[in-house]
Amino acid sequence: LHDRAGAELLLEGLQHLFPAIERMWADTAYRGLKDWLRNVLGWQLSIPQHWWSGGTWMRAGAEPPTRPSGFQVLARRWVVERTIGWLTTNRRLAKDYERLVETGEMLLYLAMSRILLRRLTRKER
């Protein structure tokens, strides 16, 4: 099952459980999900991209801007990468060993609870 089709199955009906959600960020692989999200859930889908993706408008005869070299951080994309980094510090979540989806879900809740508790008990500096 492609990620986009799986996302529809996962997200369907969530607008009733989470009525405050209005916008969702996703990778370019989920571009086709934009219309479905708007029509079915009433949510907006934002896909962060670099400014040079898809071309750049400029005046005729003007020099094109130089594309930066090396790694460039995408807006909002770092949130997902950072969260995955936090979760994979837990050995059980570093690899997909679980037989039941419910077990994996429980371990995600446990890992995020651990992160939250650590932050709540940190002394003010």
PDB file of N, CA and C in Angstrom:
ATOM      1  N   LEU A   1       0.859  -1.177   0.000  1.00  0.00           N
ATOM      2  CA  LEU A   1       0.000   0.000   0.000  1.00  0.00           C
ATOM      3  C   LEU A   1       0.904   1.237   0.000  1.00  0.00           C
ATOM      4  N   HIS A   2       0.678   2.151  -0.909  1.00  0.00           N
ATOM      5  CA  HIS A   2       1.471   3.380  -0.980  1.00  0.00           C
ATOM      6  C   HIS A   2       1.175   4.260   0.233  1.00  0.00           C
ATOM      7  N   ASP A   3       2.164   5.053   0.634  1.00  0.00           N
ATOM      8  CA  ASP A   3       2.013   5.927   1.802  1.00  0.00           C
ATOM      9  C   ASP A   3       0.810   6.853   1.682  1.00  0.00           C
ATOM     10  N   ARG A   4       0.536   7.368   0.481  1.00  0.00           N
ATOM     11  CA  ARG A   4      -0.573   8.293   0.290  1.00  0.00           C
ATOM     12  C   ARG A   4      -1.904   7.602   0.578  1.00  0.00           C
ATOM     13  N   ALA A   5      -2.084   6.387   0.059  1.00  0.00           N
ATOM     14  CA  ALA A   5      -3.318   5.632   0.304  1.00  0.00           C
ATOM     15  C   ALA A   5      -3.418   5.248   1.782  1.00  0.00           C
ATOM     16  N   GLY A   6      -2.289   4.898   2.373  1.00  0.00           N
ATOM     17  CA  GLY A   6      -2.276   4.575   3.802  1.00  0.00           C
ATOM     18  C   GLY A   6      -2.614   5.781   4.652  1.00  0.00           C
ATOM     19  N   ALA A   7      -2.179   6.963   4.212  1.00  0.00           N
ATOM     20  CA  ALA A   7      -2.488   8.195   4.946  1.00  0.00           C
ATOM     21  C   ALA A   7      -3.987   8.456   4.958  1.00  0.00           C
ATOM     22  N   GLU A   8      -4.658   8.197   3.836  1.00  0.00           N
ATOM     23  CA  GLU A   8      -6.114   8.378   3.796  1.00  0.00           C
ATOM     24  C   GLU A   8      -6.793   7.459   4.802  1.00  0.00           C
ATOM     25  N   LEU A   9      -6.365   6.195   4.846  1.00  0.00           N
ATOM     26  CA  LEU A   9      -6.954   5.249   5.803  1.00  0.00           C
ATOM     27  C   LEU A   9      -6.701   5.678   7.250  1.00  0.00           C
ATOM     28  N   LEU A  10      -5.500   6.187   7.498  1.00  0.00           N
ATOM     29  CA  LEU A  10      -5.125   6.597   8.841  1.00  0.00           C
ATOM     30  C   LEU A  10      -5.869   7.859   9.286  1.00  0.00           C
ATOM     31  N   LEU A  11      -6.007   8.819   8.381  1.00  0.00           N
ATOM     32  CA  LEU A  11      -6.553  10.127   8.735  1.00  0.00           C
ATOM     33  C   LEU A  11      -8.073  10.207   8.674  1.00  0.00           C
ATOM     34  N   GLU A  12      -8.708   9.299   7.947  1.00  0.00           N
ATOM     35  CA  GLU A  12     -10.157   9.374   7.767  1.00  0.00           C
ATOM     36  C   GLU A  12     -10.896   9.346   9.108  1.00  0.00           C
ATOM     37  N   GLY A  13     -11.722  10.302   9.328  1.00  0.00           N
ATOM     38  CA  GLY A  13     -12.513  10.388  10.554  1.00  0.00           C
ATOM     39  C   GLY A  13     -11.851  11.135  11.695  1.00  0.00           C
ATOM     40  N   LEU A  14     -10.609  11.563  11.521  1.00  0.00           N
ATOM     41  CA  LEU A  14      -9.907  12.243  12.605  1.00  0.00           C
ATOM     42  C   LEU A  14     -10.384  13.666  12.848  1.00  0.00           C
ATOM     43  N   GLN A  15     -11.097  14.265  11.890  1.00  0.00           N
ATOM     44  CA  GLN A  15     -11.556  15.638  12.093  1.00  0.00           C
ATOM     45  C   GLN A  15     -12.544  15.717  13.261  1.00  0.00           C
ATOM     46  N   HIS A  16     -13.202  14.616  13.592  1.00  0.00           N
ATOM     47  CA  HIS A  16     -14.120  14.607  14.740  1.00  0.00           C
ATOM     48  C   HIS A  16     -13.357  14.472  16.055  1.00  0.00           C
ATOM     49  N   LEU A  17     -12.256  13.729  16.044  1.00  0.00           N
ATOM     50  CA  LEU A  17     -11.448  13.563  17.247  1.00  0.00           C
ATOM     51  C   LEU A  17     -10.568  14.778  17.522  1.00  0.00           C
ATOM     52  N   PHE A  18     -10.120  15.455  16.464  1.00  0.00           N
ATOM     53  CA  PHE A  18      -9.229  16.601  16.591  1.00  0.00           C
ATOM     54  C   PHE A  18      -9.787  17.787  15.809  1.00  0.00           C
ATOM     55  N   PRO A  19     -10.858  18.406  16.310  1.00  0.00           N
ATOM     56  CA  PRO A  19     -11.494  19.491  15.549  1.00  0.00           C
ATOM     57  C   PRO A  19     -10.633  20.742  15.430  1.00  0.00           C
ATOM     58  N   ALA A  20      -9.602  20.892  16.242  1.00  0.00           N
ATOM     59  CA  ALA A  20      -8.772  22.096  16.197  1.00  0.00           C
ATOM     60  C   ALA A  20      -7.746  22.060  15.062  1.00  0.00           C
ATOM     61  N   ILE A  21      -7.519  20.893  14.480  1.00  0.00           N
ATOM     62  CA  ILE A  21      -6.528  20.802  13.406  1.00  0.00           C
ATOM     63  C   ILE A  21      -7.069  21.479  12.160  1.00  0.00           C
ATOM     64  N   GLU A  22      -6.243  22.351  11.579  1.00  0.00           N
ATOM     65  CA  GLU A  22      -6.611  23.041  10.345  1.00  0.00           C
ATOM     66  C   GLU A  22      -5.588  22.810   9.244  1.00  0.00           C
ATOM     67  N   ARG A  23      -4.342  22.572   9.627  1.00  0.00           N
ATOM     68  CA  ARG A  23      -3.260  22.463   8.651  1.00  0.00           C
ATOM     69  C   ARG A  23      -2.388  21.261   8.993  1.00  0.00           C
ATOM     70  N   MET A  24      -1.851  20.667   7.927  1.00  0.00           N
ATOM     71  CA  MET A  24      -0.971  19.523   8.085  1.00  0.00           C
ATOM     72  C   MET A  24       0.235  19.737   7.176  1.00  0.00           C
ATOM     73  N   TRP A  25       1.423  19.373   7.633  1.00  0.00           N
ATOM     74  CA  TRP A  25       2.634  19.467   6.823  1.00  0.00           C
ATOM     75  C   TRP A  25       3.033  18.072   6.391  1.00  0.00           C
ATOM     76  N   ALA A  26       3.508  17.957   5.163  1.00  0.00           N
ATOM     77  CA  ALA A  26       3.888  16.640   4.654  1.00  0.00           C
ATOM     78  C   ALA A  26       5.035  16.784   3.665  1.00  0.00           C
ATOM     79  N   ASP A  27       5.607  15.650   3.318  1.00  0.00           N
ATOM     80  CA  ASP A  27       6.670  15.567   2.336  1.00  0.00           C
ATOM     81  C   ASP A  27       6.062  15.620   0.930  1.00  0.00           C
ATOM     82  N   THR A  28       6.897  15.803  -0.077  1.00  0.00           N
ATOM     83  CA  THR A  28       6.393  15.901  -1.446  1.00  0.00           C
ATOM     84  C   THR A  28       5.732  14.612  -1.926  1.00  0.00           C
ATOM     85  N   ALA A  29       6.000  13.489  -1.279  1.00  0.00           N
ATOM     86  CA  ALA A  29       5.363  12.230  -1.660  1.00  0.00           C
ATOM     87  C   ALA A  29       3.853  12.274  -1.432  1.00  0.00           C
ATOM     88  N   TYR A  30       3.388  13.188  -0.594  1.00  0.00           N
ATOM     89  CA  TYR A  30       1.970  13.274  -0.259  1.00  0.00           C
ATOM     90  C   TYR A  30       1.249  14.384  -1.017  1.00  0.00           C
ATOM     91  N   ARG A  31       1.830  14.865  -2.119  1.00  0.00           N
ATOM     92  CA  ARG A  31       1.228  15.939  -2.900  1.00  0.00           C
ATOM     93  C   ARG A  31      -0.208  15.620  -3.317  1.00  0.00           C
ATOM     94  N   GLY A  32      -0.462  14.386  -3.714  1.00  0.00           N
ATOM     95  CA  GLY A  32      -1.800  13.984  -4.162  1.00  0.00           C
ATOM     96  C   GLY A  32      -2.835  13.969  -3.061  1.00  0.00           C
ATOM     97  N   LEU A  33      -2.404  14.118  -1.829  1.00  0.00           N
ATOM     98  CA  LEU A  33      -3.314  14.092  -0.683  1.00  0.00           C
ATOM     99  C   LEU A  33      -3.988  15.445  -0.448  1.00  0.00           C
ATOM    100  N   LYS A  34      -3.505  16.491  -1.104  1.00  0.00           N
ATOM    101  CA  LYS A  34      -3.972  17.852  -0.854  1.00  0.00           C
ATOM    102  C   LYS A  34      -5.478  18.003  -1.089  1.00  0.00           C
ATOM    103  N   ASP A  35      -5.966  17.568  -2.242  1.00  0.00           N
ATOM    104  CA  ASP A  35      -7.397  17.700  -2.548  1.00  0.00           C
ATOM    105  C   ASP A  35      -8.243  16.840  -1.625  1.00  0.00           C
ATOM    106  N   TRP A  36      -7.796  15.617  -1.356  1.00  0.00           N
ATOM    107  CA  TRP A  36      -8.544  14.716  -0.485  1.00  0.00           C
ATOM    108  C   TRP A  36      -8.685  15.315   0.913  1.00  0.00           C
ATOM    109  N   LEU A  37      -7.595  15.853   1.462  1.00  0.00           N
ATOM    110  CA  LEU A  37      -7.644  16.459   2.796  1.00  0.00           C
ATOM    111  C   LEU A  37      -8.616  17.636   2.851  1.00  0.00           C
ATOM    112  N   ARG A  38      -8.593  18.471   1.810  1.00  0.00           N
ATOM    113  CA  ARG A  38      -9.478  19.632   1.779  1.00  0.00           C
ATOM    114  C   ARG A  38     -10.946  19.200   1.672  1.00  0.00           C
ATOM    115  N   ASN A  39     -11.239  18.239   0.786  1.00  0.00           N
ATOM    116  CA  ASN A  39     -12.626  17.829   0.548  1.00  0.00           C
ATOM    117  C   ASN A  39     -13.205  16.973   1.662  1.00  0.00           C
ATOM    118  N   VAL A  40     -12.431  16.051   2.199  1.00  0.00           N
ATOM    119  CA  VAL A  40     -12.944  15.097   3.190  1.00  0.00           C
ATOM    120  C   VAL A  40     -12.825  15.623   4.613  1.00  0.00           C
ATOM    121  N   LEU A  41     -11.668  16.173   4.979  1.00  0.00           N
ATOM    122  CA  LEU A  41     -11.441  16.597   6.359  1.00  0.00           C
ATOM    123  C   LEU A  41     -11.532  18.110   6.553  1.00  0.00           C
ATOM    124  N   GLY A  42     -11.438  18.875   5.476  1.00  0.00           N
ATOM    125  CA  GLY A  42     -11.458  20.324   5.602  1.00  0.00           C
ATOM    126  C   GLY A  42     -10.134  20.888   6.087  1.00  0.00           C
ATOM    127  N   TRP A  43      -9.049  20.137   5.927  1.00  0.00           N
ATOM    128  CA  TRP A  43      -7.729  20.575   6.362  1.00  0.00           C
ATOM    129  C   TRP A  43      -6.932  21.079   5.167  1.00  0.00           C
ATOM    130  N   GLN A  44      -5.947  21.927   5.424  1.00  0.00           N
ATOM    131  CA  GLN A  44      -5.025  22.383   4.400  1.00  0.00           C
ATOM    132  C   GLN A  44      -3.741  21.570   4.507  1.00  0.00           C
ATOM    133  N   LEU A  45      -3.139  21.283   3.367  1.00  0.00           N
ATOM    134  CA  LEU A  45      -1.877  20.556   3.353  1.00  0.00           C
ATOM    135  C   LEU A  45      -0.786  21.483   2.836  1.00  0.00           C
ATOM    136  N   SER A  46       0.262  21.649   3.622  1.00  0.00           N
ATOM    137  CA  SER A  46       1.415  22.442   3.209  1.00  0.00           C
ATOM    138  C   SER A  46       2.596  21.510   2.988  1.00  0.00           C
ATOM    139  N   ILE A  47       3.247  21.685   1.846  1.00  0.00           N
ATOM    140  CA  ILE A  47       4.408  20.876   1.514  1.00  0.00           C
ATOM    141  C   ILE A  47       5.604  21.806   1.403  1.00  0.00           C
ATOM    142  N   PRO A  48       6.491  21.806   2.397  1.00  0.00           N
ATOM    143  CA  PRO A  48       7.662  22.686   2.350  1.00  0.00           C
ATOM    144  C   PRO A  48       8.591  22.295   1.202  1.00  0.00           C
ATOM    145  N   GLN A  49       9.045  23.285   0.466  1.00  0.00           N
ATOM    146  CA  GLN A  49       9.984  23.052  -0.621  1.00  0.00           C
ATOM    147  C   GLN A  49      11.007  24.168  -0.638  1.00  0.00           C
ATOM    148  N   HIS A  50      12.164  23.885  -1.202  1.00  0.00           N
ATOM    149  CA  HIS A  50      13.176  24.918  -1.379  1.00  0.00           C
ATOM    150  C   HIS A  50      12.705  25.915  -2.418  1.00  0.00           C
ATOM    151  N   TRP A  51      13.204  27.131  -2.361  1.00  0.00           N
ATOM    152  CA  TRP A  51      12.758  28.162  -3.295  1.00  0.00           C
ATOM    153  C   TRP A  51      13.125  27.829  -4.729  1.00  0.00           C
ATOM    154  N   TRP A  52      14.144  27.013  -4.935  1.00  0.00           N
ATOM    155  CA  TRP A  52      14.557  26.699  -6.302  1.00  0.00           C
ATOM    156  C   TRP A  52      13.796  25.522  -6.893  1.00  0.00           C
ATOM    157  N   SER A  53      12.960  24.849  -6.085  1.00  0.00           N
ATOM    158  CA  SER A  53      12.157  23.742  -6.614  1.00  0.00           C
ATOM    159  C   SER A  53      11.042  24.303  -7.482  1.00  0.00           C
ATOM    160  N   GLY A  54      10.899  23.829  -8.670  1.00  0.00           N
ATOM    161  CA  GLY A  54       9.815  24.262  -9.545  1.00  0.00           C
ATOM    162  C   GLY A  54      10.091  25.555 -10.282  1.00  0.00           C
ATOM    163  N   GLY A  55      11.299  26.051 -10.245  1.00  0.00           N
ATOM    164  CA  GLY A  55      11.629  27.253 -10.997  1.00  0.00           C
ATOM    165  C   GLY A  55      11.461  28.517 -10.177  1.00  0.00           C
ATOM    166  N   THR A  56      11.998  29.609 -10.711  1.00  0.00           N
ATOM    167  CA  THR A  56      11.961  30.905 -10.031  1.00  0.00           C
ATOM    168  C   THR A  56      11.569  31.974 -11.042  1.00  0.00           C
ATOM    169  N   TRP A  57      10.653  32.859 -10.655  1.00  0.00           N
ATOM    170  CA  TRP A  57      10.262  33.970 -11.513  1.00  0.00           C
ATOM    171  C   TRP A  57      11.289  35.084 -11.392  1.00  0.00           C
ATOM    172  N   MET A  58      11.635  35.667 -12.547  1.00  0.00           N
ATOM    173  CA  MET A  58      12.558  36.803 -12.536  1.00  0.00           C
ATOM    174  C   MET A  58      12.366  37.626 -13.805  1.00  0.00           C
ATOM    175  N   ARG A  59      12.900  38.826 -13.791  1.00  0.00           N
ATOM    176  CA  ARG A  59      12.790  39.699 -14.966  1.00  0.00           C
ATOM    177  C   ARG A  59      13.606  39.157 -16.124  1.00  0.00           C
ATOM    178  N   ALA A  60      13.167  39.508 -17.330  1.00  0.00           N
ATOM    179  CA  ALA A  60      13.909  39.096 -18.522  1.00  0.00           C
ATOM    180  C   ALA A  60      15.282  39.767 -18.519  1.00  0.00           C
ATOM    181  N   GLY A  61      16.307  39.014 -18.805  1.00  0.00           N
ATOM    182  CA  GLY A  61      17.658  39.539 -18.854  1.00  0.00           C
ATOM    183  C   GLY A  61      18.365  39.615 -17.512  1.00  0.00           C
ATOM    184  N   ALA A  62      17.661  39.316 -16.431  1.00  0.00           N
ATOM    185  CA  ALA A  62      18.273  39.374 -15.095  1.00  0.00           C
ATOM    186  C   ALA A  62      19.066  38.094 -14.835  1.00  0.00           C
ATOM    187  N   GLU A  63      20.095  38.210 -14.016  1.00  0.00           N
ATOM    188  CA  GLU A  63      20.904  37.057 -13.635  1.00  0.00           C
ATOM    189  C   GLU A  63      20.104  36.174 -12.679  1.00  0.00           C
ATOM    190  N   PRO A  64      20.072  34.882 -12.930  1.00  0.00           N
ATOM    191  CA  PRO A  64      19.351  34.006 -11.995  1.00  0.00           C
ATOM    192  C   PRO A  64      20.074  33.942 -10.653  1.00  0.00           C
ATOM    193  N   PRO A  65      19.320  33.801  -9.556  1.00  0.00           N
ATOM    194  CA  PRO A  65      19.964  33.703  -8.249  1.00  0.00           C
ATOM    195  C   PRO A  65      20.769  32.404  -8.149  1.00  0.00           C
ATOM    196  N   THR A  66      21.828  32.449  -7.393  1.00  0.00           N
ATOM    197  CA  THR A  66      22.654  31.248  -7.251  1.00  0.00           C
ATOM    198  C   THR A  66      22.027  30.303  -6.241  1.00  0.00           C
ATOM    199  N   ARG A  67      22.032  29.061  -6.610  1.00  0.00           N
ATOM    200  CA  ARG A  67      21.487  28.028  -5.734  1.00  0.00           C
ATOM    201  C   ARG A  67      22.541  27.676  -4.699  1.00  0.00           C
ATOM    202  N   PRO A  68      22.185  27.714  -3.405  1.00  0.00           N
ATOM    203  CA  PRO A  68      23.177  27.403  -2.377  1.00  0.00           C
ATOM    204  C   PRO A  68      23.634  25.948  -2.460  1.00  0.00           C
ATOM    205  N   SER A  69      24.885  25.720  -2.102  1.00  0.00           N
ATOM    206  CA  SER A  69      25.401  24.360  -2.119  1.00  0.00           C
ATOM    207  C   SER A  69      25.285  23.750  -0.731  1.00  0.00           C
ATOM    208  N   GLY A  70      25.337  22.447  -0.673  1.00  0.00           N
ATOM    209  CA  GLY A  70      25.281  21.746   0.601  1.00  0.00           C
ATOM    210  C   GLY A  70      23.857  21.544   1.098  1.00  0.00           C
ATOM    211  N   PHE A  71      23.750  21.070   2.319  1.00  0.00           N
ATOM    212  CA  PHE A  71      22.458  20.774   2.931  1.00  0.00           C
ATOM    213  C   PHE A  71      21.727  22.065   3.282  1.00  0.00           C
ATOM    214  N   GLN A  72      20.449  22.137   2.938  1.00  0.00           N
ATOM    215  CA  GLN A  72      19.616  23.291   3.254  1.00  0.00           C
ATOM    216  C   GLN A  72      18.402  22.818   4.043  1.00  0.00           C
ATOM    217  N   VAL A  73      18.144  23.429   5.178  1.00  0.00           N
ATOM    218  CA  VAL A  73      17.028  23.040   6.033  1.00  0.00           C
ATOM    219  C   VAL A  73      15.727  23.543   5.414  1.00  0.00           C
ATOM    220  N   LEU A  74      14.727  22.671   5.372  1.00  0.00           N
ATOM    221  CA  LEU A  74      13.401  23.048   4.902  1.00  0.00           C
ATOM    222  C   LEU A  74      12.542  23.454   6.093  1.00  0.00           C
ATOM    223  N   ALA A  75      11.719  24.469   5.903  1.00  0.00           N
ATOM    224  CA  ALA A  75      10.818  24.905   6.974  1.00  0.00           C
ATOM    225  C   ALA A  75       9.895  23.763   7.371  1.00  0.00           C
ATOM    226  N   ARG A  76       9.714  23.547   8.641  1.00  0.00           N
ATOM    227  CA  ARG A  76       8.850  22.533   9.234  1.00  0.00           C
ATOM    228  C   ARG A  76       9.325  21.101   9.057  1.00  0.00           C
ATOM    229  N   ARG A  77      10.187  20.841   8.106  1.00  0.00           N
ATOM    230  CA  ARG A  77      10.674  19.493   7.885  1.00  0.00           C
ATOM    231  C   ARG A  77      11.524  19.029   9.057  1.00  0.00           C
ATOM    232  N   TRP A  78      12.245  19.951   9.689  1.00  0.00           N
ATOM    233  CA  TRP A  78      13.117  19.613  10.799  1.00  0.00           C
ATOM    234  C   TRP A  78      12.333  19.090  11.994  1.00  0.00           C
ATOM    235  N   VAL A  79      11.062  19.470  12.132  1.00  0.00           N
ATOM    236  CA  VAL A  79      10.251  19.019  13.270  1.00  0.00           C
ATOM    237  C   VAL A  79      10.106  17.500  13.226  1.00  0.00           C
ATOM    238  N   VAL A  80       9.825  16.970  12.052  1.00  0.00           N
ATOM    239  CA  VAL A  80       9.673  15.522  11.896  1.00  0.00           C
ATOM    240  C   VAL A  80      10.997  14.822  12.148  1.00  0.00           C
ATOM    241  N   GLU A  81      12.061  15.329  11.534  1.00  0.00           N
ATOM    242  CA  GLU A  81      13.373  14.698  11.699  1.00  0.00           C
ATOM    243  C   GLU A  81      13.823  14.725  13.153  1.00  0.00           C
ATOM    244  N   ARG A  82      13.590  15.831  13.838  1.00  0.00           N
ATOM    245  CA  ARG A  82      13.974  15.953  15.246  1.00  0.00           C
ATOM    246  C   ARG A  82      13.194  14.965  16.100  1.00  0.00           C
ATOM    247  N   THR A  83      11.891  14.849  15.856  1.00  0.00           N
ATOM    248  CA  THR A  83      11.058  13.943  16.644  1.00  0.00           C
ATOM    249  C   THR A  83      11.476  12.492  16.425  1.00  0.00           C
ATOM    250  N   ILE A  84      11.759  12.119  15.193  1.00  0.00           N
ATOM    251  CA  ILE A  84      12.233  10.761  14.922  1.00  0.00           C
ATOM    252  C   ILE A  84      13.558  10.525  15.634  1.00  0.00           C
ATOM    253  N   GLY A  85      14.413  11.534  15.662  1.00  0.00           N
ATOM    254  CA  GLY A  85      15.674  11.418  16.393  1.00  0.00           C
ATOM    255  C   GLY A  85      15.449  11.179  17.880  1.00  0.00           C
ATOM    256  N   TRP A  86      14.495  11.897  18.463  1.00  0.00           N
ATOM    257  CA  TRP A  86      14.180  11.690  19.881  1.00  0.00           C
ATOM    258  C   TRP A  86      13.687  10.268  20.116  1.00  0.00           C
ATOM    259  N   LEU A  87      12.799   9.801  19.244  1.00  0.00           N
ATOM    260  CA  LEU A  87      12.190   8.487  19.444  1.00  0.00           C
ATOM    261  C   LEU A  87      13.198   7.355  19.275  1.00  0.00           C
ATOM    262  N   THR A  88      14.110   7.496  18.333  1.00  0.00           N
ATOM    263  CA  THR A  88      15.033   6.394  18.080  1.00  0.00           C
ATOM    264  C   THR A  88      16.151   6.307  19.111  1.00  0.00           C
ATOM    265  N   THR A  89      16.195   7.222  20.082  1.00  0.00           N
ATOM    266  CA  THR A  89      17.129   7.033  21.188  1.00  0.00           C
ATOM    267  C   THR A  89      16.641   5.914  22.103  1.00  0.00           C
ATOM    268  N   ASN A  90      15.379   5.530  21.965  1.00  0.00           N
ATOM    269  CA  ASN A  90      14.833   4.379  22.690  1.00  0.00           C
ATOM    270  C   ASN A  90      15.128   3.133  21.862  1.00  0.00           C
ATOM    271  N   ARG A  91      15.829   2.199  22.461  1.00  0.00           N
ATOM    272  CA  ARG A  91      16.312   1.026  21.730  1.00  0.00           C
ATOM    273  C   ARG A  91      15.194   0.255  21.038  1.00  0.00           C
ATOM    274  N   ARG A  92      14.041   0.121  21.685  1.00  0.00           N
ATOM    275  CA  ARG A  92      12.941  -0.647  21.097  1.00  0.00           C
ATOM    276  C   ARG A  92      12.336   0.039  19.880  1.00  0.00           C
ATOM    277  N   LEU A  93      12.543   1.341  19.754  1.00  0.00           N
ATOM    278  CA  LEU A  93      11.989   2.066  18.614  1.00  0.00           C
ATOM    279  C   LEU A  93      13.015   2.292  17.511  1.00  0.00           C
ATOM    280  N   ALA A  94      14.270   1.916  17.751  1.00  0.00           N
ATOM    281  CA  ALA A  94      15.307   2.122  16.745  1.00  0.00           C
ATOM    282  C   ALA A  94      15.093   1.202  15.542  1.00  0.00           C
ATOM    283  N   LYS A  95      14.524   0.048  15.756  1.00  0.00           N
ATOM    284  CA  LYS A  95      14.205  -0.901  14.684  1.00  0.00           C
ATOM    285  C   LYS A  95      12.768  -1.359  14.860  1.00  0.00           C
ATOM    286  N   ASP A  96      12.175  -1.849  13.788  1.00  0.00           N
ATOM    287  CA  ASP A  96      10.778  -2.286  13.836  1.00  0.00           C
ATOM    288  C   ASP A  96      10.722  -3.782  14.153  1.00  0.00           C
ATOM    289  N   TYR A  97      10.771  -4.105  15.455  1.00  0.00           N
ATOM    290  CA  TYR A  97      10.775  -5.496  15.881  1.00  0.00           C
ATOM    291  C   TYR A  97       9.404  -6.011  16.308  1.00  0.00           C
ATOM    292  N   GLU A  98       8.458  -5.138  16.484  1.00  0.00           N
ATOM    293  CA  GLU A  98       7.184  -5.526  17.084  1.00  0.00           C
ATOM    294  C   GLU A  98       6.307  -6.306  16.110  1.00  0.00           C
ATOM    295  N   ARG A  99       5.622  -7.318  16.637  1.00  0.00           N
ATOM    296  CA  ARG A  99       4.702  -8.110  15.814  1.00  0.00           C
ATOM    297  C   ARG A  99       3.345  -7.434  15.707  1.00  0.00           C
ATOM    298  N   LEU A 100       2.941  -6.764  16.770  1.00  0.00           N
ATOM    299  CA  LEU A 100       1.626  -6.118  16.792  1.00  0.00           C
ATOM    300  C   LEU A 100       1.779  -4.605  16.683  1.00  0.00           C
ATOM    301  N   VAL A 101       0.916  -3.995  15.896  1.00  0.00           N
ATOM    302  CA  VAL A 101       0.929  -2.542  15.750  1.00  0.00           C
ATOM    303  C   VAL A 101       0.636  -1.881  17.097  1.00  0.00           C
ATOM    304  N   GLU A 102      -0.218  -2.496  17.885  1.00  0.00           N
ATOM    305  CA  GLU A 102      -0.581  -1.941  19.191  1.00  0.00           C
ATOM    306  C   GLU A 102       0.630  -1.838  20.109  1.00  0.00           C
ATOM    307  N   THR A 103       1.539  -2.799  20.017  1.00  0.00           N
ATOM    308  CA  THR A 103       2.750  -2.755  20.831  1.00  0.00           C
ATOM    309  C   THR A 103       3.632  -1.587  20.417  1.00  0.00           C
ATOM    310  N   GLY A 104       3.809  -1.400  19.113  1.00  0.00           N
ATOM    311  CA  GLY A 104       4.586  -0.269  18.626  1.00  0.00           C
ATOM    312  C   GLY A 104       3.973   1.056  19.026  1.00  0.00           C
ATOM    313  N   GLU A 105       2.647   1.145  18.953  1.00  0.00           N
ATOM    314  CA  GLU A 105       1.951   2.375  19.355  1.00  0.00           C
ATOM    315  C   GLU A 105       2.164   2.648  20.844  1.00  0.00           C
ATOM    316  N   MET A 106       2.071   1.612  21.658  1.00  0.00           N
ATOM    317  CA  MET A 106       2.285   1.757  23.097  1.00  0.00           C
ATOM    318  C   MET A 106       3.702   2.245  23.387  1.00  0.00           C
ATOM    319  N   LEU A 107       4.680   1.727  22.650  1.00  0.00           N
ATOM    320  CA  LEU A 107       6.063   2.149  22.863  1.00  0.00           C
ATOM    321  C   LEU A 107       6.275   3.607  22.446  1.00  0.00           C
ATOM    322  N   LEU A 108       5.571   4.058  21.406  1.00  0.00           N
ATOM    323  CA  LEU A 108       5.639   5.473  21.018  1.00  0.00           C
ATOM    324  C   LEU A 108       5.080   6.366  22.120  1.00  0.00           C
ATOM    325  N   TYR A 109       3.931   5.983  22.671  1.00  0.00           N
ATOM    326  CA  TYR A 109       3.346   6.758  23.768  1.00  0.00           C
ATOM    327  C   TYR A 109       4.279   6.784  24.975  1.00  0.00           C
ATOM    328  N   LEU A 110       4.882   5.647  25.268  1.00  0.00           N
ATOM    329  CA  LEU A 110       5.800   5.558  26.394  1.00  0.00           C
ATOM    330  C   LEU A 110       7.024   6.450  26.175  1.00  0.00           C
ATOM    331  N   ALA A 111       7.585   6.425  24.976  1.00  0.00           N
ATOM    332  CA  ALA A 111       8.763   7.244  24.676  1.00  0.00           C
ATOM    333  C   ALA A 111       8.430   8.725  24.759  1.00  0.00           C
ATOM    334  N   MET A 112       7.299   9.148  24.196  1.00  0.00           N
ATOM    335  CA  MET A 112       6.928  10.564  24.241  1.00  0.00           C
ATOM    336  C   MET A 112       6.595  10.994  25.672  1.00  0.00           C
ATOM    337  N   SER A 113       5.993  10.101  26.459  1.00  0.00           N
ATOM    338  CA  SER A 113       5.716  10.411  27.868  1.00  0.00           C
ATOM    339  C   SER A 113       7.014  10.603  28.638  1.00  0.00           C
ATOM    340  N   ARG A 114       7.991   9.785  28.337  1.00  0.00           N
ATOM    341  CA  ARG A 114       9.301   9.893  28.984  1.00  0.00           C
ATOM    342  C   ARG A 114       9.957  11.234  28.657  1.00  0.00           C
ATOM    343  N   ILE A 115       9.879  11.650  27.390  1.00  0.00           N
ATOM    344  CA  ILE A 115      10.434  12.945  26.984  1.00  0.00           C
ATOM    345  C   ILE A 115       9.721  14.078  27.701  1.00  0.00           C
ATOM    346  N   LEU A 116       8.391  14.003  27.754  1.00  0.00           N
ATOM    347  CA  LEU A 116       7.598  15.040  28.420  1.00  0.00           C
ATOM    348  C   LEU A 116       7.915  15.108  29.910  1.00  0.00           C
ATOM    349  N   LEU A 117       7.983  13.960  30.583  1.00  0.00           N
ATOM    350  CA  LEU A 117       8.300  13.947  32.010  1.00  0.00           C
ATOM    351  C   LEU A 117       9.687  14.510  32.288  1.00  0.00           C
ATOM    352  N   ARG A 118      10.644  14.176  31.439  1.00  0.00           N
ATOM    353  CA  ARG A 118      11.996  14.703  31.602  1.00  0.00           C
ATOM    354  C   ARG A 118      11.985  16.227  31.509  1.00  0.00           C
ATOM    355  N   ARG A 119      11.213  16.769  30.584  1.00  0.00           N
ATOM    356  CA  ARG A 119      11.142  18.225  30.443  1.00  0.00           C
ATOM    357  C   ARG A 119      10.417  18.881  31.609  1.00  0.00           C
ATOM    358  N   LEU A 120       9.371  18.244  32.090  1.00  0.00           N
ATOM    359  CA  LEU A 120       8.610  18.819  33.198  1.00  0.00           C
ATOM    360  C   LEU A 120       9.390  18.826  34.505  1.00  0.00           C
ATOM    361  N   THR A 121      10.272  17.856  34.683  1.00  0.00           N
ATOM    362  CA  THR A 121      11.012  17.763  35.948  1.00  0.00           C
ATOM    363  C   THR A 121      12.347  18.492  35.900  1.00  0.00           C
ATOM    364  N   ARG A 122      12.709  19.040  34.749  1.00  0.00           N
ATOM    365  CA  ARG A 122      13.963  19.810  34.625  1.00  0.00           C
ATOM    366  C   ARG A 122      13.877  21.064  35.476  1.00  0.00           C
ATOM    367  N   LYS A 123      14.948  21.360  36.162  1.00  0.00           N
ATOM    368  CA  LYS A 123      14.982  22.567  36.995  1.00  0.00           C
ATOM    369  C   LYS A 123      15.057  23.801  36.112  1.00  0.00           C
ATOM    370  N   GLU A 124      14.409  24.855  36.533  1.00  0.00           N
ATOM    371  CA  GLU A 124      14.475  26.136  35.820  1.00  0.00           C
ATOM    372  C   GLU A 124      15.899  26.654  35.877  1.00  0.00           C
ATOM    373  N   ARG A 125      16.378  27.165  34.759  1.00  0.00           N
ATOM    374  CA  ARG A 125      17.749  27.686  34.731  1.00  0.00           C
ATOM    375  C   ARG A 125      17.744  29.166  34.552  1.00  0.00           C
TER     376      ARG A 125
END
